[in-house]
Amino acid sequence: MKLLILAAAAACFSGGTSAQVFTGDTKLACEAILCLSSGVRPSECQPSLSRYFGIHRRKLRDTFRARLDFLNLCPVAQQTPEMRSLVAAMSQGAGRCDAPYLNATLSYGGGMDGGPVYIGNTMPGYCQALYGHAYSGYQSTSTLPVYVGMPERGGYWVEAWDYERALAEYNARIAAEDAANSGNGWWWR
């Protein structure tokens, strides 16, 4: 991954015969764009991602705006319409599209009567924009969160690497629930 980052950085930031060298927040913003463009995040991404995710404002929309402003410090962020849309998608979706976050934010139901809580199985638009962007490294489904089951039967999001285990566990739970409930029906004689 380190070579990928270095190659992408060289490709993005070289101009003519000499490469530009960035420092400070400009460097961190460019590195953050590269690191947020992939589901694989090596240790070299830690400083730039710490800076990016360390940006917090009182209101969520202000946090998104400040993060977008930070990413826009990188000259390549505004270079093409595709890069502008990628950076905009990152500012909305980065850190908000993994399985734990989706499970926490897509839950509904419950209510005052303590009814069942469901987790929605439709990925939010900001995640679709980030994961589906032609310039991101998320086109491989092996890095995307996957939904297991059905909302009305306790479905939930898992990371792709954990899908097989989670599906087997979910199917075993559903089979046990169905077996337990099969004797509780009304039988007319």
C-alpha atoms as a PDB file:
ATOM      1  CA  MET A   1       0.000   0.000   0.000  1.00  0.00           C
ATOM      2  CA  LYS A   2       2.887   2.361   0.764  1.00  0.00           C
ATOM      3  CA  LEU A   3       4.079   2.018  -2.833  1.00  0.00           C
ATOM      4  CA  LEU A   4       0.544   2.699  -4.068  1.00  0.00           C
ATOM      5  CA  ILE A   5       0.387   5.893  -2.025  1.00  0.00           C
ATOM      6  CA  LEU A   6       3.803   7.004  -3.224  1.00  0.00           C
ATOM      7  CA  ALA A   7       2.943   6.216  -6.851  1.00  0.00           C
ATOM      8  CA  ALA A   8      -0.396   8.009  -6.611  1.00  0.00           C
ATOM      9  CA  ALA A   9       1.220  10.979  -4.937  1.00  0.00           C
ATOM     10  CA  ALA A  10       3.853  11.187  -7.643  1.00  0.00           C
ATOM     11  CA  ALA A  11       1.222  10.905 -10.376  1.00  0.00           C
ATOM     12  CA  CYS A  12      -1.096  13.470  -8.806  1.00  0.00           C
ATOM     13  CA  PHE A  13       1.388  16.059  -7.736  1.00  0.00           C
ATOM     14  CA  SER A  14       4.083  16.090 -10.357  1.00  0.00           C
ATOM     15  CA  GLY A  15       3.921  18.909 -12.791  1.00  0.00           C
ATOM     16  CA  GLY A  16       6.027  18.884 -15.916  1.00  0.00           C
ATOM     17  CA  THR A  17       9.551  17.857 -15.092  1.00  0.00           C
ATOM     18  CA  SER A  18       9.670  18.726 -11.398  1.00  0.00           C
ATOM     19  CA  ALA A  19       7.476  17.457  -8.578  1.00  0.00           C
ATOM     20  CA  GLN A  20       5.929  19.789  -6.031  1.00  0.00           C
ATOM     21  CA  VAL A  21       6.708  19.073  -2.401  1.00  0.00           C
ATOM     22  CA  PHE A  22       3.937  19.912   0.040  1.00  0.00           C
ATOM     23  CA  THR A  23       4.266  20.491   3.763  1.00  0.00           C
ATOM     24  CA  GLY A  24       1.969  21.113   6.715  1.00  0.00           C
ATOM     25  CA  ASP A  25      -1.801  20.906   6.258  1.00  0.00           C
ATOM     26  CA  THR A  26      -1.465  20.900   2.461  1.00  0.00           C
ATOM     27  CA  LYS A  27       0.619  17.717   2.670  1.00  0.00           C
ATOM     28  CA  LEU A  28      -1.759  16.160   5.218  1.00  0.00           C
ATOM     29  CA  ALA A  29      -4.794  17.035   3.086  1.00  0.00           C
ATOM     30  CA  CYS A  30      -3.274  15.394  -0.001  1.00  0.00           C
ATOM     31  CA  GLU A  31      -2.316  12.316   2.008  1.00  0.00           C
ATOM     32  CA  ALA A  32      -5.812  12.175   3.525  1.00  0.00           C
ATOM     33  CA  ILE A  33      -7.367  12.172   0.051  1.00  0.00           C
ATOM     34  CA  LEU A  34      -5.170   9.247  -0.965  1.00  0.00           C
ATOM     35  CA  CYS A  35      -5.823   7.355   2.267  1.00  0.00           C
ATOM     36  CA  LEU A  36      -9.593   7.968   2.259  1.00  0.00           C
ATOM     37  CA  SER A  37      -9.780   6.763  -1.352  1.00  0.00           C
ATOM     38  CA  SER A  38      -9.109   3.191  -0.301  1.00  0.00           C
ATOM     39  CA  GLY A  39     -10.468   0.684   2.160  1.00  0.00           C
ATOM     40  CA  VAL A  40      -6.885  -0.251   3.063  1.00  0.00           C
ATOM     41  CA  ARG A  41      -5.232   2.178   5.443  1.00  0.00           C
ATOM     42  CA  PRO A  42      -1.570   1.518   6.257  1.00  0.00           C
ATOM     43  CA  SER A  43       0.164   3.087   9.246  1.00  0.00           C
ATOM     44  CA  GLU A  44       1.508   5.846   6.980  1.00  0.00           C
ATOM     45  CA  CYS A  45      -2.055   7.201   6.827  1.00  0.00           C
ATOM     46  CA  GLN A  46      -2.302   7.728  10.581  1.00  0.00           C
ATOM     47  CA  PRO A  47      -1.067  11.370  10.764  1.00  0.00           C
ATOM     48  CA  SER A  48      -3.253  12.640   7.932  1.00  0.00           C
ATOM     49  CA  LEU A  49      -6.336  10.719   9.058  1.00  0.00           C
ATOM     50  CA  SER A  50      -5.846  11.860  12.656  1.00  0.00           C
ATOM     51  CA  ARG A  51      -5.787  15.431  11.410  1.00  0.00           C
ATOM     52  CA  TYR A  52      -8.875  14.874   9.214  1.00  0.00           C
ATOM     53  CA  PHE A  53     -10.986  13.036  11.813  1.00  0.00           C
ATOM     54  CA  GLY A  54      -9.782  15.452  14.504  1.00  0.00           C
ATOM     55  CA  ILE A  55     -11.798  18.223  12.850  1.00  0.00           C
ATOM     56  CA  HIS A  56     -14.982  18.674  14.885  1.00  0.00           C
ATOM     57  CA  ARG A  57     -17.464  21.496  15.077  1.00  0.00           C
ATOM     58  CA  ARG A  58     -20.544  21.981  17.214  1.00  0.00           C
ATOM     59  CA  LYS A  59     -22.945  21.063  14.388  1.00  0.00           C
ATOM     60  CA  LEU A  60     -22.425  18.027  12.168  1.00  0.00           C
ATOM     61  CA  ARG A  61     -22.913  20.012   8.966  1.00  0.00           C
ATOM     62  CA  ASP A  62     -20.194  22.428  10.135  1.00  0.00           C
ATOM     63  CA  THR A  63     -17.877  19.479  10.763  1.00  0.00           C
ATOM     64  CA  PHE A  64     -18.471  18.281   7.196  1.00  0.00           C
ATOM     65  CA  ARG A  65     -17.809  21.765   5.822  1.00  0.00           C
ATOM     66  CA  ALA A  66     -14.577  22.113   7.851  1.00  0.00           C
ATOM     67  CA  ARG A  67     -13.390  18.677   6.711  1.00  0.00           C
ATOM     68  CA  LEU A  68     -14.160  19.594   3.100  1.00  0.00           C
ATOM     69  CA  ASP A  69     -12.242  22.845   3.529  1.00  0.00           C
ATOM     70  CA  PHE A  70      -9.304  20.872   4.902  1.00  0.00           C
ATOM     71  CA  LEU A  71      -9.298  18.418   1.969  1.00  0.00           C
ATOM     72  CA  ASN A  72      -9.567  21.341  -0.446  1.00  0.00           C
ATOM     73  CA  LEU A  73      -6.162  22.541   0.789  1.00  0.00           C
ATOM     74  CA  CYS A  74      -4.717  19.911  -1.537  1.00  0.00           C
ATOM     75  CA  PRO A  75      -4.317  21.463  -4.998  1.00  0.00           C
ATOM     76  CA  VAL A  76      -5.542  18.316  -6.766  1.00  0.00           C
ATOM     77  CA  ALA A  77      -8.880  18.422  -4.870  1.00  0.00           C
ATOM     78  CA  GLN A  78     -10.287  21.035  -7.260  1.00  0.00           C
ATOM     79  CA  GLN A  79      -8.376  19.953 -10.365  1.00  0.00           C
ATOM     80  CA  THR A  80     -11.247  18.198 -12.176  1.00  0.00           C
ATOM     81  CA  PRO A  81     -15.000  17.769 -11.661  1.00  0.00           C
ATOM     82  CA  GLU A  82     -14.342  14.108 -10.781  1.00  0.00           C
ATOM     83  CA  MET A  83     -11.874  15.071  -8.053  1.00  0.00           C
ATOM     84  CA  ARG A  84     -14.259  17.704  -6.688  1.00  0.00           C
ATOM     85  CA  SER A  85     -17.024  15.103  -6.453  1.00  0.00           C
ATOM     86  CA  LEU A  86     -14.696  12.561  -4.826  1.00  0.00           C
ATOM     87  CA  VAL A  87     -13.550  15.069  -2.211  1.00  0.00           C
ATOM     88  CA  ALA A  88     -17.170  16.093  -1.551  1.00  0.00           C
ATOM     89  CA  ALA A  89     -18.148  12.421  -1.144  1.00  0.00           C
ATOM     90  CA  MET A  90     -15.239  11.899   1.249  1.00  0.00           C
ATOM     91  CA  SER A  91     -16.230  14.849   3.399  1.00  0.00           C
ATOM     92  CA  GLN A  92     -19.720  13.370   3.814  1.00  0.00           C
ATOM     93  CA  GLY A  93     -19.008   9.642   3.968  1.00  0.00           C
ATOM     94  CA  ALA A  94     -15.517   8.997   5.295  1.00  0.00           C
ATOM     95  CA  GLY A  95     -15.803   7.401   8.711  1.00  0.00           C
ATOM     96  CA  ARG A  96     -19.571   7.064   8.370  1.00  0.00           C
ATOM     97  CA  CYS A  97     -19.843   4.066   6.068  1.00  0.00           C
ATOM     98  CA  ASP A  98     -18.351   1.168   7.996  1.00  0.00           C
ATOM     99  CA  ALA A  99     -20.502  -1.592   9.492  1.00  0.00           C
ATOM    100  CA  PRO A 100     -20.561  -0.343  13.121  1.00  0.00           C
ATOM    101  CA  TYR A 101     -21.590   3.148  12.054  1.00  0.00           C
ATOM    102  CA  LEU A 102     -24.274   1.856   9.673  1.00  0.00           C
ATOM    103  CA  ASN A 103     -25.686  -0.426  12.389  1.00  0.00           C
ATOM    104  CA  ALA A 104     -25.841   2.471  14.852  1.00  0.00           C
ATOM    105  CA  THR A 105     -27.345   5.053  12.525  1.00  0.00           C
ATOM    106  CA  LEU A 106     -29.698   3.004  10.365  1.00  0.00           C
ATOM    107  CA  SER A 107     -31.637   1.576  13.296  1.00  0.00           C
ATOM    108  CA  TYR A 108     -35.325   2.325  13.652  1.00  0.00           C
ATOM    109  CA  GLY A 109     -38.297   1.031  15.601  1.00  0.00           C
ATOM    110  CA  GLY A 110     -38.274   0.403  19.309  1.00  0.00           C
ATOM    111  CA  GLY A 111     -40.302   3.357  20.429  1.00  0.00           C
ATOM    112  CA  MET A 112     -41.884   3.995  23.805  1.00  0.00           C
ATOM    113  CA  ASP A 113     -43.411   0.515  23.987  1.00  0.00           C
ATOM    114  CA  GLY A 114     -40.016  -1.158  23.687  1.00  0.00           C
ATOM    115  CA  GLY A 115     -40.875  -2.839  20.393  1.00  0.00           C
ATOM    116  CA  PRO A 116     -38.273  -4.435  18.174  1.00  0.00           C
ATOM    117  CA  VAL A 117     -35.418  -2.392  16.731  1.00  0.00           C
ATOM    118  CA  TYR A 118     -34.553  -2.922  13.091  1.00  0.00           C
ATOM    119  CA  ILE A 119     -31.467  -1.972  11.116  1.00  0.00           C
ATOM    120  CA  GLY A 120     -32.089  -0.734   7.591  1.00  0.00           C
ATOM    121  CA  ASN A 121     -30.514  -2.598   4.688  1.00  0.00           C
ATOM    122  CA  THR A 122     -30.116   0.342   2.305  1.00  0.00           C
ATOM    123  CA  MET A 123     -26.764   2.095   2.328  1.00  0.00           C
ATOM    124  CA  PRO A 124     -27.085   5.896   2.624  1.00  0.00           C
ATOM    125  CA  GLY A 125     -26.510   7.989  -0.487  1.00  0.00           C
ATOM    126  CA  TYR A 126     -23.300   9.512   0.868  1.00  0.00           C
ATOM    127  CA  CYS A 127     -21.840   6.005   1.239  1.00  0.00           C
ATOM    128  CA  GLN A 128     -22.982   5.032  -2.238  1.00  0.00           C
ATOM    129  CA  ALA A 129     -21.330   8.187  -3.597  1.00  0.00           C
ATOM    130  CA  LEU A 130     -18.038   7.396  -1.861  1.00  0.00           C
ATOM    131  CA  TYR A 131     -17.989   3.669  -2.571  1.00  0.00           C
ATOM    132  CA  GLY A 132     -19.185   3.993  -6.150  1.00  0.00           C
ATOM    133  CA  HIS A 133     -16.898   6.835  -7.199  1.00  0.00           C
ATOM    134  CA  ALA A 134     -14.688   6.012 -10.171  1.00  0.00           C
ATOM    135  CA  TYR A 135     -11.671   7.624  -8.484  1.00  0.00           C
ATOM    136  CA  SER A 136     -11.963   5.679  -5.229  1.00  0.00           C
ATOM    137  CA  GLY A 137     -10.471   2.284  -4.540  1.00  0.00           C
ATOM    138  CA  TYR A 138     -13.747   0.866  -3.250  1.00  0.00           C
ATOM    139  CA  GLN A 139     -14.994  -0.727  -6.463  1.00  0.00           C
ATOM    140  CA  SER A 140     -13.990  -4.123  -5.121  1.00  0.00           C
ATOM    141  CA  THR A 141     -16.885  -5.524  -3.110  1.00  0.00           C
ATOM    142  CA  SER A 142     -14.341  -7.225  -0.848  1.00  0.00           C
ATOM    143  CA  THR A 143     -13.880  -3.941   1.042  1.00  0.00           C
ATOM    144  CA  LEU A 144     -17.522  -2.812   1.311  1.00  0.00           C
ATOM    145  CA  PRO A 145     -19.809  -3.454   4.282  1.00  0.00           C
ATOM    146  CA  VAL A 146     -22.401  -6.123   3.535  1.00  0.00           C
ATOM    147  CA  TYR A 147     -25.901  -6.548   4.925  1.00  0.00           C
ATOM    148  CA  VAL A 148     -26.701  -9.929   6.472  1.00  0.00           C
ATOM    149  CA  GLY A 149     -30.313 -11.100   6.620  1.00  0.00           C
ATOM    150  CA  MET A 150     -33.540  -9.135   6.543  1.00  0.00           C
ATOM    151  CA  PRO A 151     -34.392  -6.075   8.658  1.00  0.00           C
ATOM    152  CA  GLU A 152     -37.562  -7.647  10.090  1.00  0.00           C
ATOM    153  CA  ARG A 153     -35.566 -10.710  11.181  1.00  0.00           C
ATOM    154  CA  GLY A 154     -32.699  -8.900  12.921  1.00  0.00           C
ATOM    155  CA  GLY A 155     -30.437  -8.252   9.940  1.00  0.00           C
ATOM    156  CA  TYR A 156     -27.343  -6.113  10.329  1.00  0.00           C
ATOM    157  CA  TRP A 157     -24.244  -4.781   8.552  1.00  0.00           C
ATOM    158  CA  VAL A 158     -20.856  -6.513   8.735  1.00  0.00           C
ATOM    159  CA  GLU A 159     -17.484  -5.840   7.216  1.00  0.00           C
ATOM    160  CA  ALA A 160     -16.951  -7.847   4.019  1.00  0.00           C
ATOM    161  CA  TRP A 161     -14.162  -9.961   5.513  1.00  0.00           C
ATOM    162  CA  ASP A 162     -16.593 -11.174   8.230  1.00  0.00           C
ATOM    163  CA  TYR A 163     -19.566 -11.924   5.966  1.00  0.00           C
ATOM    164  CA  GLU A 164     -19.337 -15.742   5.807  1.00  0.00           C
ATOM    165  CA  ARG A 165     -19.104 -16.127   9.582  1.00  0.00           C
ATOM    166  CA  ALA A 166     -21.889 -13.601  10.205  1.00  0.00           C
ATOM    167  CA  LEU A 167     -24.172 -15.216   7.617  1.00  0.00           C
ATOM    168  CA  ALA A 168     -23.697 -18.678   9.138  1.00  0.00           C
ATOM    169  CA  GLU A 169     -24.417 -17.264  12.603  1.00  0.00           C
ATOM    170  CA  TYR A 170     -27.491 -15.393  11.348  1.00  0.00           C
ATOM    171  CA  ASN A 171     -28.865 -18.470   9.516  1.00  0.00           C
ATOM    172  CA  ALA A 172     -28.356 -20.624  12.621  1.00  0.00           C
ATOM    173  CA  ARG A 173     -30.234 -18.083  14.753  1.00  0.00           C
ATOM    174  CA  ILE A 174     -33.103 -17.858  12.250  1.00  0.00           C
ATOM    175  CA  ALA A 175     -33.361 -21.661  12.051  1.00  0.00           C
ATOM    176  CA  ALA A 176     -33.476 -21.894  15.852  1.00  0.00           C
ATOM    177  CA  GLU A 177     -36.150 -19.177  16.050  1.00  0.00           C
ATOM    178  CA  ASP A 178     -38.225 -20.860  13.341  1.00  0.00           C
ATOM    179  CA  ALA A 179     -37.954 -24.243  15.083  1.00  0.00           C
ATOM    180  CA  ALA A 180     -38.989 -22.728  18.429  1.00  0.00           C
ATOM    181  CA  ASN A 181     -41.951 -20.938  16.862  1.00  0.00           C
ATOM    182  CA  SER A 182     -43.175 -23.879  14.766  1.00  0.00           C
ATOM    183  CA  GLY A 183     -44.892 -25.490  17.765  1.00  0.00           C
ATOM    184  CA  ASN A 184     -46.637 -22.295  18.829  1.00  0.00           C
ATOM    185  CA  GLY A 185     -49.123 -22.034  15.942  1.00  0.00           C
ATOM    186  CA  TRP A 186     -52.839 -22.610  16.154  1.00  0.00           C
ATOM    187  CA  TRP A 187     -53.939 -25.999  14.949  1.00  0.00           C
ATOM    188  CA  TRP A 188     -57.596 -26.531  14.167  1.00  0.00           C
ATOM    189  CA  ARG A 189     -59.021 -29.999  14.613  1.00  0.00           C
END
